[in-house]
Amino acid sequence: MVKARVIILTQRERAELTRIIGRRRAHAGLVSRARIVLLSADGVRATEIAERVGVSKEQVSRIRARWELERVNGLYEKKKAGRKDHALPVDLVHRIVQLAMSPPPAGRTRWTARLLAKAVACSPSSVLRTLRAHALKPHRTRTYKVSRDPDFVEKVEDVVGLYLNPPAHAIVLSLDEKTQIQALERTQLPLPLRTGRAVRHTHDYKRNGVVDLYAALEVATGRVTHACTDSHTAADFLGFLKKVARAYPRKELHVILDNSSAHSTPDIIAWLEKHPRIHFHYTPTSASWLNQVEGFFGILTKQALSLIDFLSKADLRRHLDDYLASWNQNPTPFIWTKPAKGIIRSHRRMLDRISGAVH
């Protein structure tokens, strides 16, 4: 029988190893090495230590040798030097960055790692590391639209002023219409959620008509007044305005809305003249994000209009009515925080950027 090789520990070393094993967030490898040393100090054979700790006998021998050379410090992982021959020269890095931000070759819509690597004569992996280091993502695109409204400043100050400092004893409403909501019916039934599988549905569908949704969001409370119509004409809009007026009788109303032509027809203007308690405040053109009800429409789309079949327009209308009833039971207002000056500064910077854009 081979006698186990015993490691002699001082009282301080044993206490340190016990502390490492009891540490809740200690690295698993460090804990295993500390256990190997303690078991060796207790006279346990290498074969049995390997079985208890779940390592090979050769690993036990290596840990013992590290302990004899460096004691406790030998149990910790050493920082590896790693390769250094893949580092790119500074001028090559600069060239990759400049190319990635320049127009792509003829016939291409964007740069890829392989295209850049071919252009600068290096490996695609080196190009990818350089792009990541400089936070460049040629594969991603986003859309934007900058308002060219000559009255942008005045309209932003007006609308944001209503959000941040609403008039006393008045109601501020954010109003808009979500048009062309389709009553889609999938050609086959969806497959429900299962462990390890997402909900699945067919890509093709049947259209059962469209519905237009008018909504007026009360900025202070988040409560929504709505109406569903088959179209979005000026007459439909006027009918919804009358419904909103009935919902807030004898209240001064400040209504924020966009510049749709249906919002300023002669009939609408005449109706406003007969109802002086209702005031319109227009957002700048191409600035629908300034209208808070757009945020509500985004929530509605995600929570109520995705992955569901509608057999008819009436079915879609009932679904929207149910969602709005549920929303108004516990309405959630949106808290506007950005001042008008900040929006105007950002708008001016964006105008300066696009006036000098190279693409």
Protein backbone atom coordinates (compact mmCIF):
# COMPACT_ATOMS: atom_id res chain seq x y z
CA MET A 1 0.00 0.00 0.00
CA VAL A 2 1.42 3.40 -1.07
CA LYS A 3 1.62 5.85 1.78
CA ALA A 4 -0.05 9.20 1.11
CA ARG A 5 2.20 12.21 0.84
CA VAL A 6 1.36 14.50 3.76
CA ILE A 7 1.47 18.29 3.54
CA ILE A 8 2.28 20.10 6.76
CA LEU A 9 0.15 23.19 7.37
CA THR A 10 0.56 25.95 9.88
CA GLN A 11 -2.48 26.97 11.89
CA ARG A 12 -2.68 30.22 9.93
CA GLU A 13 -2.55 28.39 6.56
CA ARG A 14 -5.27 25.98 7.58
CA ALA A 15 -7.48 28.87 8.69
CA GLU A 16 -6.90 30.64 5.35
CA LEU A 17 -7.80 27.51 3.34
CA THR A 18 -10.94 26.97 5.44
CA ARG A 19 -11.93 30.60 4.82
CA ILE A 20 -11.52 30.16 1.05
CA ILE A 21 -13.75 27.06 1.04
CA GLY A 22 -16.43 28.81 3.10
CA ARG A 23 -16.47 31.94 0.95
CA ARG A 24 -19.81 32.10 -0.91
CA ARG A 25 -18.48 33.79 -4.05
CA ALA A 26 -15.10 32.10 -4.30
CA HIS A 27 -14.11 30.76 -7.71
CA ALA A 28 -14.91 27.04 -8.04
CA GLY A 29 -11.36 26.21 -9.18
CA LEU A 30 -9.84 28.00 -6.17
CA VAL A 31 -12.16 26.12 -3.78
CA SER A 32 -11.19 22.78 -5.38
CA ARG A 33 -7.46 23.53 -5.00
CA ALA A 34 -7.93 24.55 -1.35
CA ARG A 35 -9.82 21.30 -0.66
CA ILE A 36 -7.03 19.26 -2.27
CA VAL A 37 -4.42 20.85 0.01
CA LEU A 38 -6.53 20.34 3.15
CA LEU A 39 -7.24 16.70 2.32
CA SER A 40 -3.54 16.14 1.63
CA ALA A 41 -2.72 17.70 5.00
CA ASP A 42 -5.14 15.21 6.60
CA GLY A 43 -3.25 12.29 5.06
CA VAL A 44 -5.78 11.34 2.37
CA ARG A 45 -4.32 9.54 -0.67
CA ALA A 46 -4.22 11.22 -4.07
CA THR A 47 -6.60 8.68 -5.63
CA GLU A 48 -9.24 9.28 -2.99
CA ILE A 49 -8.75 13.08 -3.19
CA ALA A 50 -9.29 12.92 -6.94
CA GLU A 51 -12.58 11.04 -6.45
CA ARG A 52 -13.84 13.41 -3.75
CA VAL A 53 -12.98 16.63 -5.56
CA GLY A 54 -13.80 15.41 -9.07
CA VAL A 55 -10.38 15.89 -10.68
CA SER A 56 -7.66 13.61 -12.03
CA LYS A 57 -4.85 12.15 -9.95
CA GLU A 58 -2.34 14.12 -12.03
CA GLN A 59 -4.13 17.37 -11.16
CA VAL A 60 -3.85 16.53 -7.48
CA SER A 61 -0.11 16.09 -7.90
CA ARG A 62 0.22 19.42 -9.71
CA ILE A 63 -1.73 21.28 -6.99
CA ARG A 64 0.47 19.76 -4.29
CA ALA A 65 3.58 20.85 -6.18
CA ARG A 66 2.24 24.40 -6.57
CA TRP A 67 1.53 24.49 -2.83
CA GLU A 68 5.03 23.42 -1.90
CA LEU A 69 6.51 26.13 -4.11
CA GLU A 70 4.23 29.09 -3.39
CA ARG A 71 1.92 28.01 -0.52
CA VAL A 72 -1.43 29.90 -0.52
CA ASN A 73 -0.45 32.23 -3.38
CA GLY A 74 0.11 29.21 -5.61
CA LEU A 75 -3.60 28.33 -5.48
CA TYR A 76 -4.76 31.51 -7.20
CA GLU A 77 -4.99 31.75 -11.00
CA LYS A 78 -2.03 33.39 -12.67
CA LYS A 79 -2.70 36.13 -15.20
CA LYS A 80 -1.86 34.76 -18.61
CA ALA A 81 0.35 36.81 -20.89
CA GLY A 82 -1.69 35.96 -23.99
CA ARG A 83 -0.78 36.62 -27.62
CA LYS A 84 0.54 39.98 -28.65
CA ASP A 85 1.34 39.33 -32.28
CA HIS A 86 -2.23 40.15 -33.40
CA ALA A 87 -2.07 43.83 -32.41
CA LEU A 88 -2.55 46.10 -35.42
CA PRO A 89 -0.37 49.13 -36.16
CA VAL A 90 -1.93 52.45 -35.22
CA ASP A 91 -2.04 53.68 -38.81
CA LEU A 92 -3.85 50.50 -39.93
CA VAL A 93 -6.43 50.91 -37.16
CA HIS A 94 -6.99 54.50 -38.24
CA ARG A 95 -7.44 53.39 -41.84
CA ILE A 96 -10.04 50.75 -40.88
CA VAL A 97 -12.01 53.29 -38.85
CA GLN A 98 -11.96 55.86 -41.64
CA LEU A 99 -13.01 53.30 -44.25
CA ALA A 100 -15.88 52.02 -42.08
CA MET A 101 -17.25 55.56 -41.82
CA SER A 102 -16.88 56.26 -45.55
CA PRO A 103 -19.27 55.30 -48.39
CA PRO A 104 -19.10 51.57 -49.29
CA PRO A 105 -17.75 50.29 -52.64
CA ALA A 106 -19.88 50.64 -55.77
CA GLY A 107 -22.75 48.18 -55.80
CA ARG A 108 -22.74 47.76 -52.02
CA THR A 109 -25.04 49.33 -49.43
CA ARG A 110 -22.68 48.94 -46.45
CA TRP A 111 -19.25 47.76 -45.39
CA THR A 112 -18.78 44.25 -44.01
CA ALA A 113 -15.85 42.88 -42.01
CA ARG A 114 -14.68 40.83 -45.00
CA LEU A 115 -14.87 43.80 -47.36
CA LEU A 116 -12.88 45.97 -44.96
CA ALA A 117 -10.36 43.18 -44.38
CA LYS A 118 -9.84 42.82 -48.14
CA ALA A 119 -9.45 46.56 -48.57
CA VAL A 120 -6.76 46.90 -45.88
CA ALA A 121 -5.16 43.45 -46.32
CA CYS A 122 -5.72 42.02 -42.84
CA SER A 123 -7.92 39.36 -41.25
CA PRO A 124 -11.70 39.82 -40.72
CA SER A 125 -11.25 39.05 -37.01
CA SER A 126 -8.81 41.95 -36.67
CA VAL A 127 -11.31 44.24 -38.40
CA LEU A 128 -14.08 43.11 -36.05
CA ARG A 129 -11.94 43.78 -32.97
CA THR A 130 -11.14 47.25 -34.29
CA LEU A 131 -14.80 48.04 -35.00
CA ARG A 132 -15.86 46.87 -31.52
CA ALA A 133 -13.10 48.92 -29.87
CA HIS A 134 -14.37 52.06 -31.64
CA ALA A 135 -18.10 51.26 -31.17
CA LEU A 136 -18.71 51.13 -34.93
CA LYS A 137 -21.57 48.96 -36.23
CA PRO A 138 -21.82 49.17 -40.03
CA HIS A 139 -24.40 46.35 -40.05
CA ARG A 140 -26.96 48.43 -38.13
CA THR A 141 -29.12 51.26 -39.43
CA ARG A 142 -31.80 53.49 -37.91
CA THR A 143 -34.29 55.88 -39.45
CA TYR A 144 -34.69 59.55 -38.62
CA LYS A 145 -36.76 62.54 -39.65
CA VAL A 146 -35.92 66.14 -38.78
CA SER A 147 -38.68 68.70 -38.71
CA ARG A 148 -38.34 71.59 -41.15
CA ASP A 149 -41.28 73.45 -39.64
CA PRO A 150 -40.46 77.20 -39.66
CA ASP A 151 -42.45 77.52 -36.41
CA PHE A 152 -40.68 74.60 -34.73
CA VAL A 153 -39.44 76.62 -31.74
CA GLU A 154 -42.79 78.25 -30.98
CA LYS A 155 -44.72 74.98 -31.28
CA VAL A 156 -42.27 73.03 -29.09
CA GLU A 157 -42.38 75.71 -26.39
CA ASP A 158 -46.19 75.70 -26.56
CA VAL A 159 -46.63 71.90 -26.34
CA VAL A 160 -43.89 71.24 -23.78
CA GLY A 161 -45.21 74.14 -21.73
CA LEU A 162 -48.58 72.34 -21.53
CA TYR A 163 -46.82 69.16 -20.33
CA LEU A 164 -44.61 70.79 -17.71
CA ASN A 165 -46.86 73.69 -16.63
CA PRO A 166 -50.47 72.91 -17.53
CA PRO A 167 -53.02 75.72 -17.12
CA ALA A 168 -54.85 75.77 -13.82
CA HIS A 169 -58.40 74.36 -13.81
CA ALA A 170 -57.99 73.06 -17.38
CA ILE A 171 -57.62 69.63 -18.99
CA VAL A 172 -54.72 68.90 -21.35
CA LEU A 173 -55.44 66.17 -23.92
CA SER A 174 -53.04 64.51 -26.34
CA LEU A 175 -55.11 63.47 -29.36
CA ASP A 176 -54.37 61.51 -32.52
CA GLU A 177 -55.73 58.72 -34.70
CA LYS A 178 -54.17 55.31 -35.32
CA THR A 179 -55.27 54.54 -38.86
CA GLN A 180 -55.54 51.34 -40.88
CA ILE A 181 -55.53 48.83 -37.99
CA GLN A 182 -55.94 45.58 -39.89
CA ALA A 183 -58.25 42.77 -38.80
CA LEU A 184 -55.86 39.95 -39.71
CA GLU A 185 -56.78 36.28 -39.61
CA ARG A 186 -53.93 33.76 -39.90
CA THR A 187 -54.42 30.95 -42.39
CA GLN A 188 -53.73 28.36 -39.65
CA LEU A 189 -54.18 28.36 -35.90
CA PRO A 190 -51.18 29.58 -33.88
CA LEU A 191 -49.16 27.09 -31.83
CA PRO A 192 -49.17 28.08 -28.13
CA LEU A 193 -46.22 28.69 -25.83
CA ARG A 194 -44.41 25.55 -24.67
CA THR A 195 -41.30 24.87 -22.61
CA GLY A 196 -38.35 25.69 -24.82
CA ARG A 197 -40.56 26.94 -27.68
CA ALA A 198 -41.94 30.39 -28.44
CA VAL A 199 -45.47 31.02 -29.71
CA ARG A 200 -45.57 30.25 -33.44
CA HIS A 201 -47.88 31.52 -36.17
CA THR A 202 -48.03 31.38 -39.94
CA HIS A 203 -46.58 34.20 -42.00
CA ASP A 204 -49.58 34.43 -44.33
CA TYR A 205 -52.97 35.81 -43.40
CA LYS A 206 -56.36 36.96 -44.62
CA ARG A 207 -57.43 40.61 -44.30
CA ASN A 208 -60.90 41.12 -42.87
CA GLY A 209 -60.95 44.91 -43.18
CA VAL A 210 -59.43 47.85 -41.34
CA VAL A 211 -60.49 50.05 -38.41
CA ASP A 212 -59.35 53.55 -37.48
CA LEU A 213 -58.90 54.37 -33.81
CA TYR A 214 -59.23 57.90 -32.41
CA ALA A 215 -57.78 58.41 -28.94
CA ALA A 216 -57.52 61.40 -26.58
CA LEU A 217 -55.07 60.84 -23.73
CA GLU A 218 -55.61 62.95 -20.62
CA VAL A 219 -52.05 64.01 -19.84
CA ALA A 220 -52.55 64.40 -16.08
CA THR A 221 -54.15 60.99 -15.42
CA GLY A 222 -53.46 58.79 -18.45
CA ARG A 223 -57.16 58.16 -19.01
CA VAL A 224 -58.10 57.64 -22.68
CA THR A 225 -61.28 58.59 -24.52
CA HIS A 226 -61.57 56.67 -27.79
CA ALA A 227 -63.74 55.93 -30.81
CA CYS A 228 -63.46 53.37 -33.61
CA THR A 229 -64.45 54.36 -37.15
CA ASP A 230 -64.31 52.87 -40.62
CA SER A 231 -62.45 55.90 -42.00
CA HIS A 232 -60.55 58.96 -40.83
CA THR A 233 -62.17 61.87 -42.62
CA ALA A 234 -62.74 65.35 -41.26
CA ALA A 235 -66.33 64.33 -40.46
CA ASP A 236 -65.05 61.38 -38.40
CA PHE A 237 -62.64 63.66 -36.58
CA LEU A 238 -65.39 66.17 -35.83
CA GLY A 239 -67.60 63.40 -34.49
CA PHE A 240 -64.81 62.33 -32.14
CA LEU A 241 -64.24 65.92 -31.01
CA LYS A 242 -67.90 66.14 -30.02
CA LYS A 243 -67.50 62.93 -28.00
CA VAL A 244 -64.45 64.36 -26.23
CA ALA A 245 -66.34 67.57 -25.48
CA ARG A 246 -69.18 65.55 -23.93
CA ALA A 247 -66.67 63.57 -21.84
CA TYR A 248 -65.39 66.83 -20.29
CA PRO A 249 -68.44 69.11 -19.97
CA ARG A 250 -67.89 72.73 -18.95
CA LYS A 251 -64.12 72.16 -18.77
CA GLU A 252 -61.50 74.21 -20.57
CA LEU A 253 -59.71 71.79 -22.92
CA HIS A 254 -56.25 72.21 -24.43
CA VAL A 255 -55.90 69.63 -27.21
CA ILE A 256 -52.45 68.68 -28.58
CA LEU A 257 -52.62 67.24 -32.11
CA ASP A 258 -50.64 67.01 -35.34
CA ASN A 259 -50.95 68.96 -38.59
CA SER A 260 -53.24 66.58 -40.50
CA SER A 261 -55.39 68.37 -43.05
CA ALA A 262 -58.47 66.80 -41.44
CA HIS A 263 -57.72 68.78 -38.25
CA SER A 264 -58.17 72.22 -39.81
CA THR A 265 -61.05 72.04 -42.26
CA PRO A 266 -63.64 74.87 -42.38
CA ASP A 267 -66.14 72.70 -40.47
CA ILE A 268 -63.62 72.11 -37.67
CA ILE A 269 -62.74 75.79 -37.48
CA ALA A 270 -66.41 76.74 -37.36
CA TRP A 271 -67.05 74.21 -34.59
CA LEU A 272 -64.12 75.56 -32.55
CA GLU A 273 -65.51 79.08 -32.86
CA LYS A 274 -68.76 77.84 -31.32
CA HIS A 275 -66.82 76.12 -28.49
CA PRO A 276 -64.29 78.68 -27.25
CA ARG A 277 -63.43 76.52 -24.23
CA ILE A 278 -61.57 74.12 -26.57
CA HIS A 279 -58.12 75.20 -27.79
CA PHE A 280 -55.91 73.42 -30.37
CA HIS A 281 -52.11 73.22 -29.99
CA TYR A 282 -50.30 71.81 -33.02
CA THR A 283 -47.05 69.83 -32.88
CA PRO A 284 -44.37 70.73 -35.45
CA THR A 285 -44.46 68.86 -38.76
CA SER A 286 -42.48 65.57 -38.72
CA ALA A 287 -42.47 65.63 -34.90
CA SER A 288 -45.20 63.19 -33.92
CA TRP A 289 -42.94 61.98 -31.07
CA LEU A 290 -43.89 65.21 -29.27
CA ASN A 291 -47.46 63.97 -28.94
CA GLN A 292 -47.77 61.78 -25.84
CA VAL A 293 -50.60 59.68 -27.24
CA GLU A 294 -48.08 58.18 -29.68
CA GLY A 295 -46.49 56.44 -26.71
CA PHE A 296 -49.86 55.00 -25.80
CA PHE A 297 -50.33 53.74 -29.37
CA GLY A 298 -46.98 51.95 -29.10
CA ILE A 299 -48.11 50.19 -25.91
CA LEU A 300 -51.44 49.32 -27.49
CA THR A 301 -49.74 47.74 -30.51
CA LYS A 302 -47.46 45.55 -28.40
CA GLN A 303 -50.02 44.52 -25.80
CA ALA A 304 -53.21 44.18 -27.84
CA LEU A 305 -52.56 43.91 -31.57
CA SER A 306 -49.78 41.34 -31.88
CA LEU A 307 -50.24 37.60 -32.41
CA ILE A 308 -54.02 37.59 -32.38
CA ASP A 309 -56.63 36.75 -35.02
CA PHE A 310 -59.65 38.91 -35.84
CA LEU A 311 -62.44 37.25 -37.79
CA SER A 312 -64.09 40.57 -38.64
CA LYS A 313 -63.93 44.31 -38.09
CA ALA A 314 -66.57 43.95 -35.38
CA ASP A 315 -64.28 41.47 -33.62
CA LEU A 316 -61.40 43.97 -33.80
CA ARG A 317 -63.62 46.79 -32.49
CA ARG A 318 -64.70 44.68 -29.48
CA HIS A 319 -61.10 43.82 -28.78
CA LEU A 320 -60.06 47.48 -28.80
CA ASP A 321 -62.99 48.45 -26.59
CA ASP A 322 -62.04 45.76 -24.08
CA TYR A 323 -58.42 46.90 -24.01
CA LEU A 324 -59.35 50.56 -23.50
CA ALA A 325 -61.80 49.64 -20.73
CA SER A 326 -59.05 47.68 -18.99
CA TRP A 327 -56.56 50.54 -19.45
CA ASN A 328 -58.95 53.10 -17.94
CA GLN A 329 -59.48 50.97 -14.85
CA ASN A 330 -55.85 51.67 -13.93
CA PRO A 331 -54.60 54.43 -16.28
CA THR A 332 -50.92 55.30 -16.38
CA PRO A 333 -49.85 58.87 -17.24
CA PHE A 334 -46.61 59.63 -19.04
CA ILE A 335 -44.24 61.94 -17.18
CA TRP A 336 -42.59 64.47 -19.51
CA THR A 337 -39.16 65.58 -18.26
CA LYS A 338 -37.20 67.19 -21.11
CA PRO A 339 -37.52 71.00 -21.26
CA ALA A 340 -38.23 72.81 -24.49
CA LYS A 341 -34.74 74.36 -24.56
CA GLY A 342 -33.11 70.94 -24.63
CA ILE A 343 -35.30 69.79 -27.53
CA ILE A 344 -34.59 72.95 -29.50
CA ARG A 345 -30.82 72.60 -28.97
CA SER A 346 -30.92 68.97 -30.15
CA HIS A 347 -32.98 69.96 -33.18
CA ARG A 348 -30.49 72.66 -34.17
CA ARG A 349 -27.54 70.26 -33.79
CA MET A 350 -29.33 67.73 -36.01
CA LEU A 351 -30.01 70.37 -38.66
CA ASP A 352 -26.32 71.32 -38.62
CA ARG A 353 -25.32 67.66 -39.02
CA ILE A 354 -27.56 66.91 -41.99
CA SER A 355 -26.60 70.16 -43.72
CA GLY A 356 -22.98 68.92 -43.82
CA ALA A 357 -23.58 65.17 -44.24
CA VAL A 358 -21.31 63.38 -46.73
CA HIS A 359 -23.59 60.43 -47.52
